[in-house]
Protein backbone atom coordinates (compact mmCIF):
# COMPACT_ATOMS: atom_id res chain seq x y z
CA MET A 1 39.24 -23.55 42.84
CA ILE A 2 36.47 -26.09 43.56
CA LYS A 3 33.06 -25.66 41.99
CA VAL A 4 29.92 -27.57 42.25
CA GLU A 5 27.10 -27.08 39.75
CA GLY A 6 23.56 -28.35 39.90
CA LEU A 7 24.42 -31.01 42.45
CA VAL A 8 21.51 -33.47 43.25
CA LYS A 9 21.52 -36.50 45.42
CA ARG A 10 18.22 -38.51 46.06
CA PHE A 11 17.62 -41.01 48.64
CA ASP A 12 14.42 -43.31 47.99
CA GLY A 13 13.33 -40.63 45.48
CA THR A 14 13.58 -37.76 47.92
CA ALA A 15 16.08 -35.05 46.97
CA VAL A 16 18.38 -34.63 49.85
CA LEU A 17 20.34 -32.14 47.79
CA ASP A 18 18.44 -30.38 45.25
CA GLY A 19 20.54 -28.39 42.68
CA ILE A 20 23.52 -27.11 44.83
CA ASP A 21 25.69 -24.56 43.35
CA LEU A 22 28.72 -23.71 45.12
CA ALA A 23 32.33 -22.32 44.63
CA ILE A 24 35.25 -22.47 46.83
CA GLU A 25 38.22 -20.43 46.26
CA GLN A 26 41.77 -21.57 47.16
CA GLY A 27 42.66 -20.89 51.01
CA GLU A 28 38.84 -20.15 51.92
CA ILE A 29 37.23 -21.45 54.82
CA ILE A 30 33.57 -22.02 54.48
CA VAL A 31 31.43 -23.35 57.41
CA VAL A 32 28.10 -24.96 56.63
CA ILE A 33 25.29 -24.61 59.18
CA GLY A 34 21.63 -25.82 59.25
CA PRO A 35 19.14 -28.23 60.85
CA SER A 36 20.04 -31.92 60.98
CA GLY A 37 18.79 -33.81 58.08
CA THR A 38 19.20 -31.00 55.66
CA GLY A 39 21.94 -32.60 53.46
CA LYS A 40 25.05 -30.91 54.90
CA SER A 41 26.97 -34.15 55.50
CA THR A 42 25.64 -35.54 51.99
CA LEU A 43 27.15 -32.53 50.25
CA LEU A 44 30.52 -33.17 51.72
CA ARG A 45 30.26 -37.02 51.01
CA CYS A 46 29.17 -36.25 47.26
CA LEU A 47 32.46 -34.23 46.73
CA ASN A 48 34.54 -37.20 47.07
CA PHE A 49 32.07 -39.68 45.87
CA LEU A 50 31.58 -41.39 49.26
CA GLU A 51 28.07 -40.98 48.06
CA GLN A 52 27.18 -41.19 44.39
CA PRO A 53 25.50 -38.04 43.07
CA ASP A 54 22.47 -38.13 40.86
CA ALA A 55 23.25 -35.16 38.70
CA GLY A 56 25.56 -32.14 38.61
CA ARG A 57 29.03 -31.19 37.66
CA LEU A 58 32.15 -31.12 39.98
CA THR A 59 35.41 -29.02 39.29
CA ILE A 60 38.63 -29.60 41.53
CA GLY A 61 41.58 -27.82 40.04
CA ASP A 62 41.88 -29.26 36.57
CA LEU A 63 39.42 -32.06 37.07
CA GLU A 64 36.05 -31.50 35.47
CA VAL A 65 33.46 -34.02 35.56
CA ASP A 66 29.88 -34.72 35.07
CA VAL A 67 29.09 -36.69 38.41
CA THR A 68 26.93 -39.42 36.66
CA ARG A 69 29.66 -40.11 34.25
CA ALA A 70 32.62 -40.22 36.45
CA SER A 71 35.07 -42.81 35.93
CA ARG A 72 37.03 -44.90 38.45
CA ALA A 73 40.14 -42.65 37.48
CA ASP A 74 38.05 -39.51 38.06
CA ILE A 75 36.81 -40.59 41.34
CA LEU A 76 40.31 -41.48 42.43
CA THR A 77 41.46 -38.16 41.40
CA ALA A 78 38.60 -36.43 43.41
CA ARG A 79 39.63 -38.36 46.55
CA ARG A 80 43.19 -37.48 46.18
CA ARG A 81 42.23 -33.89 46.32
CA THR A 82 39.58 -33.77 48.92
CA ALA A 83 40.72 -35.22 52.26
CA PHE A 84 37.76 -36.26 54.72
CA VAL A 85 37.52 -35.92 58.51
CA PHE A 86 34.83 -38.04 59.88
CA GLN A 87 32.69 -37.18 62.87
CA ASN A 88 33.38 -40.77 64.29
CA TYR A 89 37.34 -40.53 63.89
CA ALA A 90 37.19 -43.63 61.28
CA LEU A 91 40.78 -44.72 62.49
CA PHE A 92 41.94 -48.35 62.04
CA ALA A 93 41.97 -49.98 65.48
CA ASN A 94 44.64 -52.19 64.71
CA LYS A 95 47.08 -49.65 63.46
CA THR A 96 49.09 -46.96 65.50
CA ALA A 97 48.66 -43.35 65.25
CA LEU A 98 51.67 -43.14 63.07
CA GLU A 99 50.34 -45.94 60.77
CA ASN A 100 46.74 -44.41 60.63
CA ILE A 101 48.35 -41.29 59.38
CA ALA A 102 50.80 -43.07 56.94
CA GLU A 103 48.26 -45.68 55.48
CA GLY A 104 46.67 -43.30 52.77
CA LEU A 105 50.07 -42.21 51.64
CA ILE A 106 51.05 -45.72 51.12
CA VAL A 107 48.00 -47.30 49.76
CA VAL A 108 46.43 -44.18 47.71
CA ASN A 109 49.57 -42.01 46.85
CA ARG A 110 51.78 -45.07 46.58
CA TRP A 111 54.68 -43.65 48.92
CA PRO A 112 57.31 -46.02 50.08
CA LYS A 113 56.81 -46.80 53.56
CA GLN A 114 59.95 -45.08 54.96
CA LYS A 115 58.87 -41.95 53.36
CA ALA A 116 55.13 -42.18 54.53
CA HIS A 117 56.35 -42.71 58.05
CA ALA A 118 58.60 -39.87 58.13
CA ARG A 119 55.89 -37.63 56.94
CA ALA A 120 53.61 -39.10 59.52
CA ARG A 121 55.90 -38.35 62.18
CA GLU A 122 56.16 -34.61 60.83
CA ILE A 123 52.34 -34.46 61.06
CA LEU A 124 52.10 -35.97 64.58
CA GLU A 125 54.67 -33.21 65.70
CA ARG A 126 52.50 -30.49 64.27
CA ILE A 127 49.47 -31.72 65.95
CA GLY A 128 51.10 -32.13 69.27
CA LEU A 129 50.99 -35.68 69.45
CA ALA A 130 54.76 -36.66 68.74
CA ASP A 131 54.65 -38.85 71.78
CA LYS A 132 51.70 -40.99 70.69
CA ALA A 133 53.17 -42.29 67.55
CA ASP A 134 53.16 -46.00 68.73
CA ALA A 135 49.78 -45.60 70.52
CA PHE A 136 46.79 -47.48 69.33
CA PRO A 137 43.41 -45.87 69.10
CA ALA A 138 41.99 -47.50 71.95
CA SER A 139 44.71 -45.86 74.16
CA LEU A 140 43.91 -42.54 72.93
CA SER A 141 41.25 -39.61 74.14
CA GLY A 142 38.46 -38.87 71.92
CA GLY A 143 40.21 -35.56 71.14
CA GLN A 144 43.58 -37.28 70.48
CA GLN A 145 41.97 -39.76 68.13
CA GLN A 146 40.29 -36.87 66.06
CA ARG A 147 43.45 -35.01 66.05
CA VAL A 148 44.87 -38.22 64.38
CA GLY A 149 42.12 -38.14 61.87
CA ILE A 150 42.84 -34.48 61.05
CA GLY A 151 46.51 -35.28 60.76
CA ARG A 152 45.72 -38.13 58.24
CA ALA A 153 43.93 -35.38 56.06
CA MET A 154 46.73 -32.92 56.60
CA ALA A 155 49.39 -35.61 55.29
CA ALA A 156 47.47 -36.13 52.24
CA GLN A 157 48.02 -32.31 51.27
CA ALA A 158 44.80 -32.14 49.56
CA GLU A 159 43.41 -29.17 48.03
CA VAL A 160 40.45 -29.00 50.29
CA ILE A 161 39.89 -30.71 53.76
CA LEU A 162 36.26 -31.68 54.40
CA PHE A 163 35.24 -31.58 57.91
CA ASP A 164 32.06 -33.51 58.87
CA GLU A 165 30.89 -32.30 62.22
CA PRO A 166 34.41 -33.33 63.67
CA THR A 167 33.42 -32.46 67.29
CA SER A 168 29.99 -33.88 67.35
CA SER A 169 31.23 -37.27 68.77
CA LEU A 170 33.64 -35.51 71.48
CA ASP A 171 32.92 -35.10 75.13
CA PRO A 172 32.84 -31.40 75.87
CA GLU A 173 36.43 -31.58 77.45
CA TRP A 174 37.99 -32.47 74.20
CA VAL A 175 36.09 -30.01 71.73
CA GLU A 176 38.52 -27.15 72.24
CA GLU A 177 41.75 -29.08 71.50
CA VAL A 178 40.11 -30.13 68.07
CA LEU A 179 38.72 -26.88 67.37
CA GLY A 180 42.17 -25.50 68.15
CA LEU A 181 43.95 -27.41 65.55
CA MET A 182 41.21 -26.56 62.92
CA LYS A 183 42.08 -22.74 63.84
CA GLN A 184 45.67 -23.42 63.34
CA LEU A 185 44.88 -24.82 59.75
CA ALA A 186 42.78 -21.81 59.20
CA ARG A 187 45.71 -19.50 59.96
CA GLU A 188 47.66 -21.37 57.52
CA ARG A 189 44.96 -20.82 54.87
CA GLN A 190 44.37 -24.45 54.37
CA THR A 191 41.21 -24.70 52.29
CA MET A 192 38.46 -26.03 54.43
CA LEU A 193 34.81 -26.80 53.99
CA VAL A 194 33.43 -27.58 57.50
CA VAL A 195 30.01 -28.79 58.58
CA THR A 196 29.48 -28.17 62.22
CA HIS A 197 27.25 -26.88 65.13
CA GLU A 198 30.02 -24.78 66.74
CA MET A 199 28.57 -21.36 66.07
CA SER A 200 31.69 -19.72 67.84
CA PHE A 201 33.74 -21.45 65.68
CA ALA A 202 32.07 -20.25 62.41
CA GLN A 203 32.08 -16.75 63.77
CA ASP A 204 35.68 -16.67 64.58
CA VAL A 205 37.15 -18.57 61.63
CA ALA A 206 34.92 -18.60 58.57
CA ASP A 207 35.42 -16.40 55.67
CA ARG A 208 31.89 -17.39 54.49
CA VAL A 209 29.08 -19.08 56.20
CA ILE A 210 26.38 -21.13 54.31
CA PHE A 211 23.09 -21.86 55.71
CA MET A 212 21.40 -24.76 54.25
CA ASP A 213 17.81 -26.08 54.54
CA GLY A 214 15.71 -28.66 52.82
CA GLY A 215 18.58 -29.73 50.57
CA HIS A 216 19.14 -26.03 49.44
CA ILE A 217 21.52 -23.19 50.12
CA VAL A 218 19.16 -20.70 51.63
CA GLU A 219 21.49 -17.74 52.36
CA GLN A 220 25.41 -17.20 52.72
CA GLY A 221 27.73 -14.49 53.44
CA PRO A 222 30.52 -13.48 55.88
CA PRO A 223 29.92 -14.44 59.35
CA GLY A 224 29.19 -10.91 60.62
CA GLN A 225 26.54 -10.50 57.89
CA LEU A 226 24.87 -13.92 58.32
CA PHE A 227 24.94 -14.00 62.24
CA GLY A 228 24.38 -9.96 62.57
CA SER A 229 21.57 -9.63 60.08
CA PRO A 230 20.35 -12.83 58.36
CA LYS A 231 17.68 -12.02 55.73
CA ASP A 232 15.76 -15.18 55.19
CA PRO A 233 13.23 -16.11 57.99
CA ARG A 234 14.38 -19.56 58.15
CA THR A 235 17.95 -18.47 58.94
CA GLN A 236 16.81 -16.13 61.37
CA ASP A 237 14.64 -18.76 63.22
CA PHE A 238 17.61 -21.34 63.25
CA LEU A 239 20.04 -18.96 64.49
CA ARG A 240 17.80 -17.60 67.07
CA LYS A 241 17.22 -21.19 68.54
CA VAL A 242 20.67 -22.59 68.08
CA LEU A 243 22.28 -19.33 69.54
CA ALA A 244 20.01 -19.33 72.58
CA THR A 245 20.73 -22.98 73.20
CA GLN A 246 24.57 -22.41 73.13
CA VAL A 247 24.27 -19.40 75.31
CA ALA A 248 22.29 -21.27 77.88
CA LEU A 249 24.86 -24.15 77.89
């Protein structure tokens, strides 16, 4: 169970997140959509303290903390329980695919190198990149790099994986292989919070879709409800524009 209460984040005095309340059940797949600049990525980054929130409470399992008073131990615990998949891959250029996946297990979880590398090989097999264990990021396609990034998150066995627009930096030819891996995780009921512009993914995979605008959660519900009969005019306008664009493409 993950719970966010009254989450606020300001940049230069402007509230990018303005009192966000959100609960995520174990095994739930939640997709967050909305216009650019409305706080979607900031929400993810606040959940594992890549950004320091200005107010609110955060619960992840048995960790309950006022975000303004979180100790270094609290932040480390939050990061161990929330794996992050970045839109720009964020792989170590000087490490192989296997080493990129194993690094967090060694540094954060204090696993012995041999154990971490064995786990990394298992993950590479699961994501279809067993033959790329010794490859460096520069020799991998964008889709392969992002799959390694997702593999790194899988290795952590976190309570929730946070996906920050994982396909936005990919050429169109690589998008489907990354979405395919995410759909596999969804079938395995990995708890996921996904920020994306891929509306078909949201419709096919999400248990719940959240529409954000202006730093607020405007509307949320099952995909059929939110896409089929959105209630708020802002949701209606956004979906009309986005779906028309994606159909045109």
